Amino acid sequence: MAFALRSRPRPRALDVPWQKKSRRKRKFSWTKAVLLSLVLYFAYSSSKQVQLALELRAKLDRVNKEIVATQQRTEELRREIEYLKSDAYVEKVAREELGLVKPGEIIFMPAAKPDKNR
């Protein structure tokens, strides 16, 4: 007849902060070291690529804003050229700067104000 011997469970060690826990020594694995170095290399190189992409995106945004501003300025200048070619502008310059009048018009000029110092 065979009796099974029961082993008693070992009492658990108390977690006391001042006692050092026993640690298992891990063996150095070349495979893990190579994989880790490859992961770090690809992370570093991809971070450089991401940084370059962000810089190029910012430069593209600046150039697009400059293009829009230049197009708006071009449109303003085009409208100003059209106004300067119009008859209304020519008449305004003739009246205000050259003192010309249309035939049959009479110009009334206000009298000069007397100097108060005299």
N, C-alpha and C. Protein backbone atom coordinates (compact mmCIF):
# COMPACT_ATOMS: atom_id res chain seq x y z
N MET A 1 0.82 -1.15 0.00
CA MET A 1 0.00 0.00 0.00
C MET A 1 0.89 1.24 0.00
N ALA A 2 0.51 2.14 -0.83
CA ALA A 2 1.33 3.33 -0.98
C ALA A 2 0.59 4.52 -0.42
N PHE A 3 1.30 5.23 0.35
CA PHE A 3 0.71 6.44 0.93
C PHE A 3 1.33 7.66 0.23
N ALA A 4 0.49 8.55 -0.08
CA ALA A 4 0.99 9.79 -0.69
C ALA A 4 1.35 10.75 0.42
N LEU A 5 2.55 11.22 0.36
CA LEU A 5 2.99 12.16 1.37
C LEU A 5 2.62 13.57 0.91
N ARG A 6 2.01 14.24 1.78
CA ARG A 6 1.64 15.62 1.45
C ARG A 6 2.74 16.54 1.91
N SER A 7 3.12 17.40 1.00
CA SER A 7 4.13 18.36 1.42
C SER A 7 3.41 19.60 1.94
N ARG A 8 3.94 20.13 2.97
CA ARG A 8 3.33 21.31 3.54
C ARG A 8 3.73 22.53 2.71
N PRO A 9 2.81 23.44 2.51
CA PRO A 9 3.17 24.64 1.77
C PRO A 9 4.12 25.48 2.60
N ARG A 10 5.08 26.08 1.91
CA ARG A 10 6.05 26.90 2.61
C ARG A 10 5.39 28.20 3.06
N PRO A 11 5.75 28.67 4.19
CA PRO A 11 5.19 29.95 4.62
C PRO A 11 5.75 31.06 3.73
N ARG A 12 4.91 32.00 3.36
CA ARG A 12 5.31 33.12 2.50
C ARG A 12 6.14 34.10 3.29
N ALA A 13 7.13 34.62 2.61
CA ALA A 13 7.96 35.62 3.26
C ALA A 13 7.21 36.94 3.29
N LEU A 14 7.35 37.64 4.36
CA LEU A 14 6.69 38.92 4.49
C LEU A 14 7.42 39.95 3.63
N ASP A 15 6.67 40.83 3.02
CA ASP A 15 7.28 41.89 2.24
C ASP A 15 7.70 43.00 3.18
N VAL A 16 8.94 42.99 3.50
CA VAL A 16 9.49 44.00 4.39
C VAL A 16 10.42 44.85 3.54
N PRO A 17 10.25 46.18 3.56
CA PRO A 17 11.03 47.03 2.67
C PRO A 17 12.53 46.94 2.89
N TRP A 18 12.99 46.65 4.07
CA TRP A 18 14.43 46.65 4.32
C TRP A 18 15.09 45.33 3.95
N GLN A 19 14.28 44.32 3.67
CA GLN A 19 14.86 43.05 3.25
C GLN A 19 14.97 43.02 1.74
N LYS A 20 16.07 42.52 1.26
CA LYS A 20 16.26 42.41 -0.18
C LYS A 20 15.56 41.15 -0.67
N LYS A 21 14.93 41.32 -1.82
CA LYS A 21 14.26 40.17 -2.41
C LYS A 21 15.27 39.41 -3.25
N SER A 22 15.13 38.16 -3.27
CA SER A 22 16.04 37.38 -4.11
C SER A 22 15.57 37.50 -5.55
N ARG A 23 16.51 37.76 -6.40
CA ARG A 23 16.18 37.92 -7.82
C ARG A 23 16.87 36.83 -8.61
N ARG A 24 16.16 36.41 -9.62
CA ARG A 24 16.75 35.41 -10.49
C ARG A 24 17.67 36.11 -11.48
N LYS A 25 18.81 35.59 -11.67
CA LYS A 25 19.72 36.16 -12.65
C LYS A 25 19.26 35.71 -14.03
N ARG A 26 19.19 36.70 -14.90
CA ARG A 26 18.77 36.39 -16.27
C ARG A 26 20.01 36.22 -17.13
N LYS A 27 19.92 35.30 -18.02
CA LYS A 27 21.03 35.07 -18.94
C LYS A 27 20.97 36.12 -20.05
N PHE A 28 22.13 36.53 -20.53
CA PHE A 28 22.22 37.49 -21.61
C PHE A 28 21.79 36.81 -22.91
N SER A 29 20.88 37.43 -23.59
CA SER A 29 20.38 36.86 -24.83
C SER A 29 20.78 37.77 -26.00
N TRP A 30 21.58 37.22 -26.90
CA TRP A 30 22.01 38.01 -28.07
C TRP A 30 20.83 38.34 -28.97
N THR A 31 19.89 37.46 -29.05
CA THR A 31 18.72 37.70 -29.91
C THR A 31 17.94 38.90 -29.39
N LYS A 32 17.73 38.96 -28.09
CA LYS A 32 17.00 40.09 -27.53
C LYS A 32 17.79 41.38 -27.68
N ALA A 33 19.11 41.31 -27.53
CA ALA A 33 19.95 42.51 -27.68
C ALA A 33 19.90 43.03 -29.10
N VAL A 34 19.96 42.13 -30.08
CA VAL A 34 19.90 42.55 -31.49
C VAL A 34 18.54 43.13 -31.81
N LEU A 35 17.48 42.48 -31.35
CA LEU A 35 16.14 43.00 -31.59
C LEU A 35 15.94 44.37 -30.94
N LEU A 36 16.43 44.51 -29.73
CA LEU A 36 16.30 45.79 -29.04
C LEU A 36 17.07 46.88 -29.77
N SER A 37 18.27 46.56 -30.23
CA SER A 37 19.04 47.57 -30.96
C SER A 37 18.38 47.92 -32.28
N LEU A 38 17.79 46.96 -32.97
CA LEU A 38 17.06 47.25 -34.21
C LEU A 38 15.85 48.13 -33.95
N VAL A 39 15.12 47.85 -32.90
CA VAL A 39 13.95 48.67 -32.56
C VAL A 39 14.38 50.10 -32.24
N LEU A 40 15.45 50.24 -31.45
CA LEU A 40 15.93 51.57 -31.12
C LEU A 40 16.42 52.31 -32.36
N TYR A 41 17.12 51.62 -33.26
CA TYR A 41 17.60 52.25 -34.49
C TYR A 41 16.44 52.75 -35.34
N PHE A 42 15.43 51.89 -35.54
CA PHE A 42 14.28 52.29 -36.37
C PHE A 42 13.47 53.40 -35.70
N ALA A 43 13.38 53.38 -34.39
CA ALA A 43 12.66 54.45 -33.69
C ALA A 43 13.40 55.77 -33.87
N TYR A 44 14.72 55.75 -33.76
CA TYR A 44 15.52 56.97 -33.93
C TYR A 44 15.42 57.49 -35.36
N SER A 45 15.59 56.60 -36.33
CA SER A 45 15.55 57.06 -37.73
C SER A 45 14.14 57.52 -38.13
N SER A 46 13.12 56.87 -37.63
CA SER A 46 11.77 57.31 -37.98
C SER A 46 11.43 58.62 -37.28
N SER A 47 11.99 58.86 -36.10
CA SER A 47 11.72 60.14 -35.44
C SER A 47 12.34 61.28 -36.24
N LYS A 48 13.52 61.06 -36.83
CA LYS A 48 14.14 62.07 -37.69
C LYS A 48 13.27 62.33 -38.92
N GLN A 49 12.73 61.27 -39.49
CA GLN A 49 11.89 61.42 -40.67
C GLN A 49 10.60 62.16 -40.34
N VAL A 50 10.03 61.87 -39.19
CA VAL A 50 8.81 62.56 -38.76
C VAL A 50 9.10 64.04 -38.54
N GLN A 51 10.24 64.34 -37.91
CA GLN A 51 10.62 65.73 -37.68
C GLN A 51 10.81 66.46 -39.00
N LEU A 52 11.46 65.83 -39.96
CA LEU A 52 11.65 66.44 -41.27
C LEU A 52 10.32 66.66 -41.97
N ALA A 53 9.42 65.69 -41.88
CA ALA A 53 8.10 65.82 -42.50
C ALA A 53 7.32 66.98 -41.88
N LEU A 54 7.42 67.15 -40.57
CA LEU A 54 6.72 68.25 -39.91
C LEU A 54 7.29 69.61 -40.33
N GLU A 55 8.62 69.68 -40.46
CA GLU A 55 9.24 70.93 -40.91
C GLU A 55 8.81 71.27 -42.34
N LEU A 56 8.78 70.26 -43.20
CA LEU A 56 8.37 70.49 -44.59
C LEU A 56 6.90 70.88 -44.67
N ARG A 57 6.08 70.29 -43.81
CA ARG A 57 4.65 70.64 -43.79
C ARG A 57 4.47 72.10 -43.37
N ALA A 58 5.23 72.54 -42.37
CA ALA A 58 5.15 73.94 -41.91
C ALA A 58 5.61 74.89 -43.01
N LYS A 59 6.67 74.52 -43.71
CA LYS A 59 7.17 75.36 -44.81
C LYS A 59 6.14 75.43 -45.93
N LEU A 60 5.50 74.32 -46.23
CA LEU A 60 4.46 74.29 -47.26
C LEU A 60 3.29 75.18 -46.88
N ASP A 61 2.90 75.16 -45.61
CA ASP A 61 1.81 76.02 -45.14
C ASP A 61 2.18 77.49 -45.28
N ARG A 62 3.43 77.85 -44.94
CA ARG A 62 3.88 79.24 -45.08
C ARG A 62 3.85 79.68 -46.55
N VAL A 63 4.31 78.81 -47.43
CA VAL A 63 4.34 79.14 -48.86
C VAL A 63 2.91 79.29 -49.39
N ASN A 64 2.01 78.42 -48.96
CA ASN A 64 0.61 78.52 -49.40
C ASN A 64 -0.02 79.82 -48.92
N LYS A 65 0.29 80.24 -47.69
CA LYS A 65 -0.24 81.51 -47.18
C LYS A 65 0.31 82.67 -47.98
N GLU A 66 1.62 82.61 -48.34
CA GLU A 66 2.20 83.66 -49.16
C GLU A 66 1.55 83.72 -50.54
N ILE A 67 1.24 82.57 -51.10
CA ILE A 67 0.58 82.52 -52.41
C ILE A 67 -0.79 83.18 -52.33
N VAL A 68 -1.55 82.86 -51.29
CA VAL A 68 -2.88 83.44 -51.14
C VAL A 68 -2.78 84.96 -50.97
N ALA A 69 -1.83 85.41 -50.15
CA ALA A 69 -1.66 86.85 -49.94
C ALA A 69 -1.25 87.55 -51.23
N THR A 70 -0.38 86.92 -52.00
CA THR A 70 0.05 87.50 -53.27
C THR A 70 -1.10 87.55 -54.27
N GLN A 71 -1.93 86.53 -54.30
CA GLN A 71 -3.09 86.52 -55.19
C GLN A 71 -4.07 87.63 -54.81
N GLN A 72 -4.27 87.83 -53.50
CA GLN A 72 -5.16 88.91 -53.07
C GLN A 72 -4.60 90.26 -53.47
N ARG A 73 -3.30 90.45 -53.27
CA ARG A 73 -2.67 91.72 -53.64
C ARG A 73 -2.75 91.94 -55.16
N THR A 74 -2.57 90.90 -55.93
CA THR A 74 -2.68 91.00 -57.39
C THR A 74 -4.09 91.43 -57.80
N GLU A 75 -5.09 90.86 -57.14
CA GLU A 75 -6.48 91.22 -57.45
C GLU A 75 -6.75 92.68 -57.08
N GLU A 76 -6.22 93.13 -55.94
CA GLU A 76 -6.39 94.54 -55.54
C GLU A 76 -5.75 95.45 -56.58
N LEU A 77 -4.54 95.11 -57.03
CA LEU A 77 -3.86 95.93 -58.03
C LEU A 77 -4.61 95.92 -59.36
N ARG A 78 -5.16 94.80 -59.72
CA ARG A 78 -5.95 94.70 -60.96
C ARG A 78 -7.17 95.63 -60.89
N ARG A 79 -7.85 95.63 -59.73
CA ARG A 79 -9.01 96.52 -59.57
C ARG A 79 -8.58 97.99 -59.61
N GLU A 80 -7.42 98.30 -59.00
CA GLU A 80 -6.93 99.67 -59.01
C GLU A 80 -6.58 100.12 -60.43
N ILE A 81 -5.98 99.23 -61.20
CA ILE A 81 -5.67 99.55 -62.60
C ILE A 81 -6.94 99.84 -63.38
N GLU A 82 -7.97 99.02 -63.18
CA GLU A 82 -9.24 99.25 -63.86
C GLU A 82 -9.83 100.60 -63.48
N TYR A 83 -9.73 100.96 -62.18
CA TYR A 83 -10.25 102.26 -61.74
C TYR A 83 -9.43 103.39 -62.35
N LEU A 84 -8.11 103.25 -62.40
CA LEU A 84 -7.27 104.30 -62.96
C LEU A 84 -7.52 104.49 -64.46
N LYS A 85 -7.97 103.46 -65.15
CA LYS A 85 -8.29 103.56 -66.58
C LYS A 85 -9.70 104.11 -66.82
N SER A 86 -10.50 104.18 -65.77
CA SER A 86 -11.90 104.58 -65.94
C SER A 86 -12.02 106.09 -66.17
N ASP A 87 -13.15 106.49 -66.78
CA ASP A 87 -13.42 107.91 -67.03
C ASP A 87 -13.63 108.67 -65.73
N ALA A 88 -14.16 108.00 -64.71
CA ALA A 88 -14.41 108.67 -63.43
C ALA A 88 -13.10 109.15 -62.82
N TYR A 89 -12.06 108.35 -62.88
CA TYR A 89 -10.78 108.75 -62.32
C TYR A 89 -10.16 109.88 -63.13
N VAL A 90 -10.23 109.78 -64.45
CA VAL A 90 -9.67 110.83 -65.31
C VAL A 90 -10.36 112.16 -65.02
N GLU A 91 -11.67 112.14 -64.88
CA GLU A 91 -12.41 113.36 -64.58
C GLU A 91 -12.03 113.91 -63.21
N LYS A 92 -11.89 113.05 -62.23
CA LYS A 92 -11.51 113.48 -60.88
C LYS A 92 -10.15 114.18 -60.89
N VAL A 93 -9.17 113.57 -61.57
CA VAL A 93 -7.83 114.17 -61.64
C VAL A 93 -7.89 115.50 -62.38
N ALA A 94 -8.66 115.55 -63.47
CA ALA A 94 -8.75 116.79 -64.25
C ALA A 94 -9.36 117.91 -63.42
N ARG A 95 -10.36 117.62 -62.62
CA ARG A 95 -11.02 118.66 -61.82
C ARG A 95 -10.16 119.07 -60.63
N GLU A 96 -9.66 118.06 -59.85
CA GLU A 96 -9.00 118.38 -58.60
C GLU A 96 -7.55 118.85 -58.77
N GLU A 97 -6.80 118.22 -59.64
CA GLU A 97 -5.38 118.53 -59.75
C GLU A 97 -5.08 119.54 -60.87
N LEU A 98 -5.83 119.47 -61.95
CA LEU A 98 -5.55 120.36 -63.07
C LEU A 98 -6.48 121.58 -63.11
N GLY A 99 -7.55 121.56 -62.35
CA GLY A 99 -8.47 122.69 -62.28
C GLY A 99 -9.31 122.85 -63.54
N LEU A 100 -9.51 121.81 -64.30
CA LEU A 100 -10.31 121.87 -65.52
C LEU A 100 -11.79 121.76 -65.18
N VAL A 101 -12.64 122.30 -66.09
CA VAL A 101 -14.09 122.23 -65.92
C VAL A 101 -14.70 121.79 -67.22
N LYS A 102 -15.93 121.30 -67.13
CA LYS A 102 -16.66 120.92 -68.32
C LYS A 102 -17.17 122.20 -68.99
N PRO A 103 -17.41 122.13 -70.30
CA PRO A 103 -17.93 123.32 -70.98
C PRO A 103 -19.27 123.75 -70.37
N GLY A 104 -19.42 125.03 -70.09
CA GLY A 104 -20.67 125.57 -69.54
C GLY A 104 -20.71 125.57 -68.03
N GLU A 105 -19.73 125.05 -67.34
CA GLU A 105 -19.72 125.03 -65.88
C GLU A 105 -19.07 126.31 -65.36
N ILE A 106 -19.54 126.74 -64.22
CA ILE A 106 -18.96 127.90 -63.56
C ILE A 106 -18.37 127.43 -62.24
N ILE A 107 -17.15 127.87 -61.97
CA ILE A 107 -16.48 127.46 -60.74
C ILE A 107 -16.65 128.56 -59.71
N PHE A 108 -17.12 128.17 -58.54
CA PHE A 108 -17.20 129.09 -57.42
C PHE A 108 -16.09 128.74 -56.45
N MET A 109 -15.26 129.73 -56.15
CA MET A 109 -14.15 129.50 -55.24
C MET A 109 -14.41 130.30 -53.98
N PRO A 110 -14.23 129.70 -52.82
CA PRO A 110 -14.44 130.45 -51.58
C PRO A 110 -13.36 131.52 -51.42
N ALA A 111 -13.77 132.59 -50.76
CA ALA A 111 -12.82 133.68 -50.54
C ALA A 111 -11.77 133.23 -49.55
N ALA A 112 -10.60 133.76 -49.68
CA ALA A 112 -9.51 133.42 -48.77
C ALA A 112 -9.83 133.96 -47.39
N LYS A 113 -9.56 133.19 -46.38
CA LYS A 113 -9.82 133.62 -45.01
C LYS A 113 -8.74 134.62 -44.60
N PRO A 114 -9.15 135.69 -43.95
CA PRO A 114 -8.14 136.66 -43.54
C PRO A 114 -7.32 136.10 -42.37
N ASP A 115 -6.05 136.50 -42.36
CA ASP A 115 -5.15 136.08 -41.28
C ASP A 115 -5.55 136.81 -40.00
N LYS A 116 -5.59 136.12 -38.90
CA LYS A 116 -5.92 136.74 -37.63
C LYS A 116 -4.72 137.45 -37.04
N ASN A 117 -3.55 137.12 -37.49
CA ASN A 117 -2.32 137.73 -36.97
C ASN A 117 -2.10 139.13 -37.51
N ARG A 118 -2.72 139.52 -38.60
CA ARG A 118 -2.48 140.84 -39.20
C ARG A 118 -3.32 141.89 -38.58
